[in-house]
Protein backbone atom coordinates (compact mmCIF):
# COMPACT_ATOMS: atom_id res chain seq x y z
CA UNK A 1 0.00 0.00 0.00
CA UNK A 2 2.81 2.45 0.89
CA UNK A 3 4.47 1.73 -2.48
CA UNK A 4 1.25 2.52 -4.36
CA UNK A 5 0.67 5.74 -2.37
CA UNK A 6 4.26 6.82 -3.00
CA UNK A 7 3.97 6.21 -6.73
CA UNK A 8 0.69 8.15 -6.83
CA UNK A 9 2.13 11.16 -5.00
CA UNK A 10 5.20 11.12 -7.23
CA UNK A 11 3.01 10.99 -10.33
CA UNK A 12 0.99 14.04 -9.32
CA UNK A 13 4.16 16.00 -8.56
CA UNK A 14 5.57 15.10 -11.97
CA UNK A 15 2.28 15.93 -13.69
CA UNK A 16 2.23 19.40 -12.10
CA UNK A 17 5.84 19.97 -13.18
CA UNK A 18 4.98 18.78 -16.69
CA UNK A 19 2.07 21.21 -16.91
CA UNK A 20 4.35 24.09 -15.95
CA UNK A 21 6.94 23.08 -18.55
CA UNK A 22 4.29 22.62 -21.23
CA UNK A 23 3.10 26.18 -20.68
CA UNK A 24 6.65 27.43 -21.34
CA UNK A 25 6.99 25.82 -24.77
CA UNK A 26 5.61 23.19 -27.10
CA UNK A 27 6.57 19.55 -26.50
CA UNK A 28 6.71 17.61 -29.77
CA UNK A 29 4.65 14.45 -29.98
CA UNK A 30 5.72 11.05 -31.26
CA UNK A 31 6.55 10.81 -34.94
CA UNK A 32 7.32 7.89 -37.30
CA UNK A 33 10.94 6.89 -36.81
CA UNK A 34 11.18 8.14 -33.22
CA UNK A 35 13.09 5.98 -30.74
CA UNK A 36 12.35 6.12 -27.01
CA UNK A 37 14.85 4.49 -24.63
CA UNK A 38 13.68 3.95 -21.05
CA UNK A 39 15.25 2.88 -17.77
CA UNK A 40 12.90 1.54 -15.11
CA UNK A 41 12.88 0.05 -11.65
CA UNK A 42 10.50 -2.94 -11.87
CA UNK A 43 8.73 -4.63 -8.97
CA UNK A 44 7.99 -8.27 -9.88
CA UNK A 45 5.09 -10.01 -8.14
CA UNK A 46 4.87 -13.69 -9.07
CA UNK A 47 1.45 -15.34 -9.27
CA UNK A 48 2.94 -18.76 -8.53
CA UNK A 49 1.29 -22.16 -8.64
CA UNK A 50 2.36 -25.73 -9.37
CA UNK A 51 0.76 -29.01 -10.42
CA UNK A 52 0.63 -31.89 -9.67
CA UNK A 53 3.02 -31.11 -6.80
CA UNK A 54 1.60 -28.10 -4.94
CA UNK A 55 3.16 -25.44 -2.75
CA UNK A 56 5.95 -24.30 -5.11
CA UNK A 57 6.28 -20.49 -5.20
CA UNK A 58 8.74 -17.89 -6.49
CA UNK A 59 9.93 -14.96 -4.39
CA UNK A 60 8.96 -11.43 -5.43
CA UNK A 61 11.78 -8.99 -6.17
CA UNK A 62 12.68 -5.59 -7.63
CA UNK A 63 15.03 -5.38 -10.63
CA UNK A 64 16.48 -2.79 -13.03
CA UNK A 65 15.22 -2.87 -16.61
CA UNK A 66 15.94 -1.08 -19.89
CA UNK A 67 13.85 -1.03 -23.04
CA UNK A 68 13.62 0.63 -26.41
CA UNK A 69 10.56 1.61 -28.44
CA UNK A 70 10.51 2.28 -32.18
CA UNK A 71 7.56 4.24 -33.61
CA UNK A 72 6.27 3.02 -36.97
CA UNK A 73 3.57 5.70 -36.87
CA UNK A 74 2.62 8.35 -34.31
CA UNK A 75 0.37 5.78 -32.61
CA UNK A 76 2.01 2.40 -33.20
CA UNK A 77 5.34 1.35 -31.69
CA UNK A 78 7.23 -1.85 -30.91
CA UNK A 79 8.97 -2.17 -27.55
CA UNK A 80 11.77 -4.58 -26.63
CA UNK A 81 12.29 -5.04 -22.89
CA UNK A 82 15.67 -6.30 -21.63
CA UNK A 83 17.44 -6.99 -18.36
CA UNK A 84 20.31 -9.21 -17.23
CA UNK A 85 19.72 -12.74 -15.80
CA UNK A 86 17.92 -12.47 -12.47
CA UNK A 87 18.22 -14.87 -9.54
CA UNK A 88 14.73 -16.03 -8.51
CA UNK A 89 14.31 -17.71 -5.14
CA UNK A 90 12.08 -20.79 -5.06
CA UNK A 91 10.17 -22.02 -1.98
CA UNK A 92 8.18 -25.18 -1.31
CA UNK A 93 5.46 -24.75 1.33
CA UNK A 94 7.26 -21.67 2.68
CA UNK A 95 10.73 -23.21 2.89
CA UNK A 96 13.53 -22.25 0.49
CA UNK A 97 14.92 -24.95 -1.80
CA UNK A 98 17.30 -22.64 -3.70
CA UNK A 99 17.10 -20.44 -6.79
CA UNK A 100 17.32 -20.31 -10.57
CA UNK A 101 18.49 -17.59 -12.94
CA UNK A 102 15.89 -16.21 -15.35
CA UNK A 103 16.45 -13.99 -18.41
CA UNK A 104 13.05 -12.74 -19.70
CA UNK A 105 13.28 -10.53 -22.85
CA UNK A 106 9.83 -9.37 -23.96
CA UNK A 107 8.62 -7.85 -27.23
CA UNK A 108 5.31 -5.94 -27.39
CA UNK A 109 3.39 -4.00 -30.02
CA UNK A 110 1.90 -0.83 -28.53
CA UNK A 111 -0.88 1.57 -29.43
CA UNK A 112 -0.37 5.13 -28.09
CA UNK A 113 -3.72 6.92 -27.74
CA UNK A 114 -2.61 10.57 -27.31
CA UNK A 115 0.83 10.80 -28.97
CA UNK A 116 0.74 14.61 -29.23
CA UNK A 117 -0.44 15.41 -25.70
CA UNK A 118 1.97 17.62 -23.73
CA UNK A 119 0.61 16.23 -20.45
CA UNK A 120 -0.36 12.54 -20.61
CA UNK A 121 0.26 9.83 -23.24
CA UNK A 122 -1.37 6.47 -22.40
CA UNK A 123 -0.76 3.24 -24.29
CA UNK A 124 -1.73 -0.43 -24.41
CA UNK A 125 0.46 -3.25 -25.67
CA UNK A 126 0.51 -6.99 -26.28
CA UNK A 127 3.25 -9.34 -27.35
CA UNK A 128 5.39 -12.32 -26.46
CA UNK A 129 7.82 -13.21 -23.70
CA UNK A 130 10.69 -15.65 -23.90
CA UNK A 131 12.30 -16.68 -20.61
CA UNK A 132 15.53 -18.64 -20.44
CA UNK A 133 16.11 -20.45 -17.14
CA UNK A 134 19.68 -21.35 -16.21
CA UNK A 135 21.98 -22.12 -13.28
CA UNK A 136 19.58 -24.28 -11.28
CA UNK A 137 20.50 -24.27 -7.60
CA UNK A 138 17.56 -26.30 -6.31
CA UNK A 139 17.74 -28.92 -3.58
CA UNK A 140 21.47 -29.36 -3.96
CA UNK A 141 21.21 -29.99 -7.71
CA UNK A 142 18.62 -32.78 -7.41
CA UNK A 143 15.86 -30.59 -8.94
CA UNK A 144 16.23 -28.98 -12.37
CA UNK A 145 13.91 -26.85 -14.50
CA UNK A 146 13.48 -26.78 -18.27
CA UNK A 147 15.43 -24.04 -20.00
CA UNK A 148 12.80 -22.33 -22.16
CA UNK A 149 9.41 -20.71 -21.64
CA UNK A 150 7.27 -18.91 -24.24
CA UNK A 151 4.16 -16.97 -23.26
CA UNK A 152 1.99 -13.94 -23.92
CA UNK A 153 2.63 -10.49 -22.46
CA UNK A 154 0.04 -7.76 -21.86
CA UNK A 155 0.94 -4.16 -21.13
CA UNK A 156 -0.60 -0.82 -20.08
CA UNK A 157 1.12 2.41 -19.17
CA UNK A 158 1.63 6.09 -19.85
CA UNK A 159 4.32 8.66 -20.52
CA UNK A 160 4.37 12.17 -19.07
CA UNK A 161 6.60 14.59 -21.05
CA UNK A 162 8.96 16.53 -18.77
CA UNK A 163 10.64 18.48 -21.58
CA UNK A 164 11.16 18.08 -25.32
CA UNK A 165 13.08 14.80 -24.93
CA UNK A 166 12.63 13.55 -21.33
CA UNK A 167 9.63 11.46 -20.21
CA UNK A 168 8.34 10.04 -16.95
CA UNK A 169 6.96 6.52 -17.45
CA UNK A 170 4.70 4.20 -15.46
CA UNK A 171 4.19 0.72 -16.91
CA UNK A 172 2.32 -2.44 -15.85
CA UNK A 173 2.74 -5.82 -17.52
CA UNK A 174 1.24 -9.26 -17.06
CA UNK A 175 3.64 -11.91 -18.36
CA UNK A 176 2.75 -15.59 -18.75
CA UNK A 177 5.60 -18.01 -18.05
CA UNK A 178 5.98 -21.55 -16.74
CA UNK A 179 8.59 -24.27 -16.54
CA UNK A 180 8.73 -28.01 -15.88
CA UNK A 181 10.72 -29.22 -12.87
CA UNK A 182 12.35 -32.64 -12.72
CA UNK A 183 13.74 -34.60 -9.78
CA UNK A 184 16.86 -36.61 -10.58
CA UNK A 185 15.86 -36.53 -14.27
CA UNK A 186 12.23 -37.61 -13.76
CA UNK A 187 9.32 -35.17 -14.34
CA UNK A 188 8.14 -33.75 -11.02
CA UNK A 189 5.76 -30.83 -11.59
CA UNK A 190 4.93 -27.80 -13.76
CA UNK A 191 5.58 -24.46 -12.08
CA UNK A 192 3.52 -21.49 -13.31
CA UNK A 193 4.99 -18.07 -12.49
CA UNK A 194 2.83 -15.51 -14.43
CA UNK A 195 4.24 -12.35 -12.81
CA UNK A 196 2.77 -8.85 -12.71
CA UNK A 197 5.49 -6.24 -13.29
CA UNK A 198 5.07 -2.66 -12.08
CA UNK A 199 7.74 -0.38 -13.57
CA UNK A 200 8.57 3.26 -12.88
CA UNK A 201 11.29 5.19 -14.67
CA UNK A 202 12.43 7.77 -17.20
CA UNK A 203 12.51 7.75 -20.99
CA UNK A 204 14.59 9.65 -23.54
CA UNK A 205 13.17 10.41 -27.01
CA UNK A 206 15.60 10.46 -29.94
C-alpha atoms as a PDB file:
ATOM      1  CA  UNK A   1       0.000   0.000   0.000  1.00  0.00           C
ATOM      2  CA  UNK A   2       2.813   2.449   0.892  1.00  0.00           C
ATOM      3  CA  UNK A   3       4.474   1.734  -2.476  1.00  0.00           C
ATOM      4  CA  UNK A   4       1.248   2.518  -4.359  1.00  0.00           C
ATOM      5  CA  UNK A   5       0.667   5.744  -2.375  1.00  0.00           C
ATOM      6  CA  UNK A   6       4.260   6.823  -2.995  1.00  0.00           C
ATOM      7  CA  UNK A   7       3.970   6.214  -6.735  1.00  0.00           C
ATOM      8  CA  UNK A   8       0.687   8.145  -6.827  1.00  0.00           C
ATOM      9  CA  UNK A   9       2.134  11.155  -4.999  1.00  0.00           C
ATOM     10  CA  UNK A  10       5.203  11.123  -7.228  1.00  0.00           C
ATOM     11  CA  UNK A  11       3.008  10.989 -10.333  1.00  0.00           C
ATOM     12  CA  UNK A  12       0.990  14.039  -9.324  1.00  0.00           C
ATOM     13  CA  UNK A  13       4.156  15.999  -8.556  1.00  0.00           C
ATOM     14  CA  UNK A  14       5.570  15.095 -11.974  1.00  0.00           C
ATOM     15  CA  UNK A  15       2.282  15.932 -13.694  1.00  0.00           C
ATOM     16  CA  UNK A  16       2.234  19.399 -12.099  1.00  0.00           C
ATOM     17  CA  UNK A  17       5.842  19.973 -13.176  1.00  0.00           C
ATOM     18  CA  UNK A  18       4.984  18.781 -16.691  1.00  0.00           C
ATOM     19  CA  UNK A  19       2.066  21.211 -16.907  1.00  0.00           C
ATOM     20  CA  UNK A  20       4.348  24.090 -15.949  1.00  0.00           C
ATOM     21  CA  UNK A  21       6.942  23.079 -18.548  1.00  0.00           C
ATOM     22  CA  UNK A  22       4.293  22.615 -21.234  1.00  0.00           C
ATOM     23  CA  UNK A  23       3.101  26.181 -20.681  1.00  0.00           C
ATOM     24  CA  UNK A  24       6.649  27.433 -21.339  1.00  0.00           C
ATOM     25  CA  UNK A  25       6.993  25.818 -24.774  1.00  0.00           C
ATOM     26  CA  UNK A  26       5.612  23.190 -27.104  1.00  0.00           C
ATOM     27  CA  UNK A  27       6.574  19.555 -26.497  1.00  0.00           C
ATOM     28  CA  UNK A  28       6.705  17.605 -29.769  1.00  0.00           C
ATOM     29  CA  UNK A  29       4.647  14.455 -29.976  1.00  0.00           C
ATOM     30  CA  UNK A  30       5.723  11.054 -31.258  1.00  0.00           C
ATOM     31  CA  UNK A  31       6.555  10.812 -34.943  1.00  0.00           C
ATOM     32  CA  UNK A  32       7.324   7.893 -37.304  1.00  0.00           C
ATOM     33  CA  UNK A  33      10.945   6.894 -36.811  1.00  0.00           C
ATOM     34  CA  UNK A  34      11.185   8.144 -33.217  1.00  0.00           C
ATOM     35  CA  UNK A  35      13.087   5.982 -30.742  1.00  0.00           C
ATOM     36  CA  UNK A  36      12.353   6.121 -27.009  1.00  0.00           C
ATOM     37  CA  UNK A  37      14.846   4.494 -24.625  1.00  0.00           C
ATOM     38  CA  UNK A  38      13.677   3.946 -21.050  1.00  0.00           C
ATOM     39  CA  UNK A  39      15.246   2.883 -17.769  1.00  0.00           C
ATOM     40  CA  UNK A  40      12.903   1.538 -15.112  1.00  0.00           C
ATOM     41  CA  UNK A  41      12.881   0.047 -11.646  1.00  0.00           C
ATOM     42  CA  UNK A  42      10.504  -2.939 -11.866  1.00  0.00           C
ATOM     43  CA  UNK A  43       8.730  -4.634  -8.971  1.00  0.00           C
ATOM     44  CA  UNK A  44       7.990  -8.274  -9.881  1.00  0.00           C
ATOM     45  CA  UNK A  45       5.091 -10.007  -8.140  1.00  0.00           C
ATOM     46  CA  UNK A  46       4.867 -13.687  -9.067  1.00  0.00           C
ATOM     47  CA  UNK A  47       1.450 -15.344  -9.271  1.00  0.00           C
ATOM     48  CA  UNK A  48       2.942 -18.757  -8.530  1.00  0.00           C
ATOM     49  CA  UNK A  49       1.287 -22.162  -8.644  1.00  0.00           C
ATOM     50  CA  UNK A  50       2.356 -25.734  -9.367  1.00  0.00           C
ATOM     51  CA  UNK A  51       0.763 -29.009 -10.418  1.00  0.00           C
ATOM     52  CA  UNK A  52       0.627 -31.893  -9.670  1.00  0.00           C
ATOM     53  CA  UNK A  53       3.018 -31.108  -6.803  1.00  0.00           C
ATOM     54  CA  UNK A  54       1.602 -28.095  -4.940  1.00  0.00           C
ATOM     55  CA  UNK A  55       3.158 -25.435  -2.746  1.00  0.00           C
ATOM     56  CA  UNK A  56       5.945 -24.296  -5.113  1.00  0.00           C
ATOM     57  CA  UNK A  57       6.281 -20.493  -5.196  1.00  0.00           C
ATOM     58  CA  UNK A  58       8.744 -17.888  -6.490  1.00  0.00           C
ATOM     59  CA  UNK A  59       9.932 -14.956  -4.389  1.00  0.00           C
ATOM     60  CA  UNK A  60       8.961 -11.428  -5.433  1.00  0.00           C
ATOM     61  CA  UNK A  61      11.783  -8.993  -6.168  1.00  0.00           C
ATOM     62  CA  UNK A  62      12.683  -5.590  -7.632  1.00  0.00           C
ATOM     63  CA  UNK A  63      15.029  -5.385 -10.625  1.00  0.00           C
ATOM     64  CA  UNK A  64      16.480  -2.787 -13.035  1.00  0.00           C
ATOM     65  CA  UNK A  65      15.220  -2.872 -16.615  1.00  0.00           C
ATOM     66  CA  UNK A  66      15.944  -1.076 -19.885  1.00  0.00           C
ATOM     67  CA  UNK A  67      13.849  -1.033 -23.038  1.00  0.00           C
ATOM     68  CA  UNK A  68      13.624   0.633 -26.408  1.00  0.00           C
ATOM     69  CA  UNK A  69      10.557   1.611 -28.439  1.00  0.00           C
ATOM     70  CA  UNK A  70      10.512   2.285 -32.183  1.00  0.00           C
ATOM     71  CA  UNK A  71       7.557   4.239 -33.607  1.00  0.00           C
ATOM     72  CA  UNK A  72       6.270   3.017 -36.973  1.00  0.00           C
ATOM     73  CA  UNK A  73       3.570   5.704 -36.875  1.00  0.00           C
ATOM     74  CA  UNK A  74       2.619   8.348 -34.310  1.00  0.00           C
ATOM     75  CA  UNK A  75       0.365   5.782 -32.610  1.00  0.00           C
ATOM     76  CA  UNK A  76       2.012   2.398 -33.205  1.00  0.00           C
ATOM     77  CA  UNK A  77       5.339   1.348 -31.688  1.00  0.00           C
ATOM     78  CA  UNK A  78       7.229  -1.850 -30.908  1.00  0.00           C
ATOM     79  CA  UNK A  79       8.969  -2.169 -27.546  1.00  0.00           C
ATOM     80  CA  UNK A  80      11.770  -4.582 -26.633  1.00  0.00           C
ATOM     81  CA  UNK A  81      12.295  -5.044 -22.886  1.00  0.00           C
ATOM     82  CA  UNK A  82      15.668  -6.296 -21.634  1.00  0.00           C
ATOM     83  CA  UNK A  83      17.444  -6.993 -18.357  1.00  0.00           C
ATOM     84  CA  UNK A  84      20.307  -9.212 -17.229  1.00  0.00           C
ATOM     85  CA  UNK A  85      19.716 -12.740 -15.797  1.00  0.00           C
ATOM     86  CA  UNK A  86      17.919 -12.466 -12.467  1.00  0.00           C
ATOM     87  CA  UNK A  87      18.221 -14.874  -9.541  1.00  0.00           C
ATOM     88  CA  UNK A  88      14.730 -16.034  -8.505  1.00  0.00           C
ATOM     89  CA  UNK A  89      14.312 -17.706  -5.139  1.00  0.00           C
ATOM     90  CA  UNK A  90      12.078 -20.793  -5.057  1.00  0.00           C
ATOM     91  CA  UNK A  91      10.166 -22.016  -1.977  1.00  0.00           C
ATOM     92  CA  UNK A  92       8.176 -25.175  -1.311  1.00  0.00           C
ATOM     93  CA  UNK A  93       5.459 -24.753   1.334  1.00  0.00           C
ATOM     94  CA  UNK A  94       7.257 -21.674   2.679  1.00  0.00           C
ATOM     95  CA  UNK A  95      10.734 -23.212   2.885  1.00  0.00           C
ATOM     96  CA  UNK A  96      13.534 -22.249   0.494  1.00  0.00           C
ATOM     97  CA  UNK A  97      14.915 -24.955  -1.803  1.00  0.00           C
ATOM     98  CA  UNK A  98      17.297 -22.638  -3.703  1.00  0.00           C
ATOM     99  CA  UNK A  99      17.104 -20.441  -6.785  1.00  0.00           C
ATOM    100  CA  UNK A 100      17.325 -20.314 -10.568  1.00  0.00           C
ATOM    101  CA  UNK A 101      18.492 -17.588 -12.945  1.00  0.00           C
ATOM    102  CA  UNK A 102      15.888 -16.206 -15.353  1.00  0.00           C
ATOM    103  CA  UNK A 103      16.451 -13.994 -18.407  1.00  0.00           C
ATOM    104  CA  UNK A 104      13.051 -12.743 -19.703  1.00  0.00           C
ATOM    105  CA  UNK A 105      13.281 -10.528 -22.845  1.00  0.00           C
ATOM    106  CA  UNK A 106       9.831  -9.366 -23.959  1.00  0.00           C
ATOM    107  CA  UNK A 107       8.617  -7.849 -27.233  1.00  0.00           C
ATOM    108  CA  UNK A 108       5.314  -5.941 -27.385  1.00  0.00           C
ATOM    109  CA  UNK A 109       3.391  -4.005 -30.016  1.00  0.00           C
ATOM    110  CA  UNK A 110       1.902  -0.829 -28.533  1.00  0.00           C
ATOM    111  CA  UNK A 111      -0.880   1.573 -29.427  1.00  0.00           C
ATOM    112  CA  UNK A 112      -0.372   5.129 -28.092  1.00  0.00           C
ATOM    113  CA  UNK A 113      -3.715   6.923 -27.740  1.00  0.00           C
ATOM    114  CA  UNK A 114      -2.610  10.570 -27.312  1.00  0.00           C
ATOM    115  CA  UNK A 115       0.828  10.798 -28.967  1.00  0.00           C
ATOM    116  CA  UNK A 116       0.743  14.606 -29.235  1.00  0.00           C
ATOM    117  CA  UNK A 117      -0.436  15.409 -25.705  1.00  0.00           C
ATOM    118  CA  UNK A 118       1.975  17.620 -23.729  1.00  0.00           C
ATOM    119  CA  UNK A 119       0.607  16.229 -20.450  1.00  0.00           C
ATOM    120  CA  UNK A 120      -0.365  12.545 -20.607  1.00  0.00           C
ATOM    121  CA  UNK A 121       0.262   9.832 -23.240  1.00  0.00           C
ATOM    122  CA  UNK A 122      -1.368   6.474 -22.396  1.00  0.00           C
ATOM    123  CA  UNK A 123      -0.762   3.235 -24.287  1.00  0.00           C
ATOM    124  CA  UNK A 124      -1.725  -0.435 -24.411  1.00  0.00           C
ATOM    125  CA  UNK A 125       0.457  -3.252 -25.665  1.00  0.00           C
ATOM    126  CA  UNK A 126       0.510  -6.989 -26.285  1.00  0.00           C
ATOM    127  CA  UNK A 127       3.247  -9.339 -27.350  1.00  0.00           C
ATOM    128  CA  UNK A 128       5.395 -12.316 -26.461  1.00  0.00           C
ATOM    129  CA  UNK A 129       7.815 -13.212 -23.703  1.00  0.00           C
ATOM    130  CA  UNK A 130      10.693 -15.654 -23.898  1.00  0.00           C
ATOM    131  CA  UNK A 131      12.297 -16.679 -20.608  1.00  0.00           C
ATOM    132  CA  UNK A 132      15.531 -18.641 -20.435  1.00  0.00           C
ATOM    133  CA  UNK A 133      16.107 -20.448 -17.139  1.00  0.00           C
ATOM    134  CA  UNK A 134      19.679 -21.351 -16.211  1.00  0.00           C
ATOM    135  CA  UNK A 135      21.976 -22.123 -13.277  1.00  0.00           C
ATOM    136  CA  UNK A 136      19.583 -24.281 -11.281  1.00  0.00           C
ATOM    137  CA  UNK A 137      20.504 -24.267  -7.602  1.00  0.00           C
ATOM    138  CA  UNK A 138      17.564 -26.296  -6.308  1.00  0.00           C
ATOM    139  CA  UNK A 139      17.740 -28.922  -3.584  1.00  0.00           C
ATOM    140  CA  UNK A 140      21.471 -29.358  -3.964  1.00  0.00           C
ATOM    141  CA  UNK A 141      21.205 -29.986  -7.705  1.00  0.00           C
ATOM    142  CA  UNK A 142      18.625 -32.777  -7.412  1.00  0.00           C
ATOM    143  CA  UNK A 143      15.862 -30.594  -8.942  1.00  0.00           C
ATOM    144  CA  UNK A 144      16.233 -28.977 -12.374  1.00  0.00           C
ATOM    145  CA  UNK A 145      13.914 -26.854 -14.501  1.00  0.00           C
ATOM    146  CA  UNK A 146      13.477 -26.780 -18.274  1.00  0.00           C
ATOM    147  CA  UNK A 147      15.426 -24.036 -20.001  1.00  0.00           C
ATOM    148  CA  UNK A 148      12.796 -22.326 -22.160  1.00  0.00           C
ATOM    149  CA  UNK A 149       9.411 -20.705 -21.636  1.00  0.00           C
ATOM    150  CA  UNK A 150       7.271 -18.913 -24.241  1.00  0.00           C
ATOM    151  CA  UNK A 151       4.163 -16.965 -23.255  1.00  0.00           C
ATOM    152  CA  UNK A 152       1.990 -13.937 -23.919  1.00  0.00           C
ATOM    153  CA  UNK A 153       2.629 -10.493 -22.461  1.00  0.00           C
ATOM    154  CA  UNK A 154       0.042  -7.761 -21.856  1.00  0.00           C
ATOM    155  CA  UNK A 155       0.935  -4.155 -21.127  1.00  0.00           C
ATOM    156  CA  UNK A 156      -0.595  -0.823 -20.077  1.00  0.00           C
ATOM    157  CA  UNK A 157       1.125   2.408 -19.167  1.00  0.00           C
ATOM    158  CA  UNK A 158       1.628   6.087 -19.847  1.00  0.00           C
ATOM    159  CA  UNK A 159       4.321   8.663 -20.521  1.00  0.00           C
ATOM    160  CA  UNK A 160       4.372  12.171 -19.073  1.00  0.00           C
ATOM    161  CA  UNK A 161       6.603  14.585 -21.049  1.00  0.00           C
ATOM    162  CA  UNK A 162       8.961  16.534 -18.772  1.00  0.00           C
ATOM    163  CA  UNK A 163      10.639  18.482 -21.580  1.00  0.00           C
ATOM    164  CA  UNK A 164      11.165  18.076 -25.322  1.00  0.00           C
ATOM    165  CA  UNK A 165      13.077  14.801 -24.925  1.00  0.00           C
ATOM    166  CA  UNK A 166      12.630  13.551 -21.334  1.00  0.00           C
ATOM    167  CA  UNK A 167       9.631  11.462 -20.208  1.00  0.00           C
ATOM    168  CA  UNK A 168       8.345  10.044 -16.952  1.00  0.00           C
ATOM    169  CA  UNK A 169       6.964   6.516 -17.445  1.00  0.00           C
ATOM    170  CA  UNK A 170       4.701   4.204 -15.461  1.00  0.00           C
ATOM    171  CA  UNK A 171       4.185   0.722 -16.911  1.00  0.00           C
ATOM    172  CA  UNK A 172       2.318  -2.436 -15.851  1.00  0.00           C
ATOM    173  CA  UNK A 173       2.744  -5.821 -17.518  1.00  0.00           C
ATOM    174  CA  UNK A 174       1.237  -9.264 -17.064  1.00  0.00           C
ATOM    175  CA  UNK A 175       3.636 -11.914 -18.355  1.00  0.00           C
ATOM    176  CA  UNK A 176       2.752 -15.594 -18.748  1.00  0.00           C
ATOM    177  CA  UNK A 177       5.598 -18.012 -18.050  1.00  0.00           C
ATOM    178  CA  UNK A 178       5.979 -21.546 -16.736  1.00  0.00           C
ATOM    179  CA  UNK A 179       8.594 -24.274 -16.540  1.00  0.00           C
ATOM    180  CA  UNK A 180       8.733 -28.015 -15.875  1.00  0.00           C
ATOM    181  CA  UNK A 181      10.716 -29.225 -12.873  1.00  0.00           C
ATOM    182  CA  UNK A 182      12.353 -32.638 -12.719  1.00  0.00           C
ATOM    183  CA  UNK A 183      13.743 -34.604  -9.777  1.00  0.00           C
ATOM    184  CA  UNK A 184      16.859 -36.606 -10.580  1.00  0.00           C
ATOM    185  CA  UNK A 185      15.864 -36.533 -14.267  1.00  0.00           C
ATOM    186  CA  UNK A 186      12.231 -37.609 -13.763  1.00  0.00           C
ATOM    187  CA  UNK A 187       9.324 -35.167 -14.340  1.00  0.00           C
ATOM    188  CA  UNK A 188       8.143 -33.747 -11.024  1.00  0.00           C
ATOM    189  CA  UNK A 189       5.759 -30.825 -11.586  1.00  0.00           C
ATOM    190  CA  UNK A 190       4.932 -27.795 -13.755  1.00  0.00           C
ATOM    191  CA  UNK A 191       5.579 -24.460 -12.076  1.00  0.00           C
ATOM    192  CA  UNK A 192       3.520 -21.492 -13.308  1.00  0.00           C
ATOM    193  CA  UNK A 193       4.993 -18.066 -12.487  1.00  0.00           C
ATOM    194  CA  UNK A 194       2.827 -15.513 -14.429  1.00  0.00           C
ATOM    195  CA  UNK A 195       4.244 -12.349 -12.809  1.00  0.00           C
ATOM    196  CA  UNK A 196       2.765  -8.849 -12.710  1.00  0.00           C
ATOM    197  CA  UNK A 197       5.486  -6.242 -13.289  1.00  0.00           C
ATOM    198  CA  UNK A 198       5.073  -2.663 -12.076  1.00  0.00           C
ATOM    199  CA  UNK A 199       7.735  -0.384 -13.570  1.00  0.00           C
ATOM    200  CA  UNK A 200       8.571   3.260 -12.885  1.00  0.00           C
ATOM    201  CA  UNK A 201      11.290   5.195 -14.674  1.00  0.00           C
ATOM    202  CA  UNK A 202      12.431   7.767 -17.204  1.00  0.00           C
ATOM    203  CA  UNK A 203      12.514   7.755 -20.991  1.00  0.00           C
ATOM    204  CA  UNK A 204      14.589   9.655 -23.545  1.00  0.00           C
ATOM    205  CA  UNK A 205      13.171  10.406 -27.007  1.00  0.00           C
ATOM    206  CA  UNK A 206      15.597  10.462 -29.941  1.00  0.00           C
END
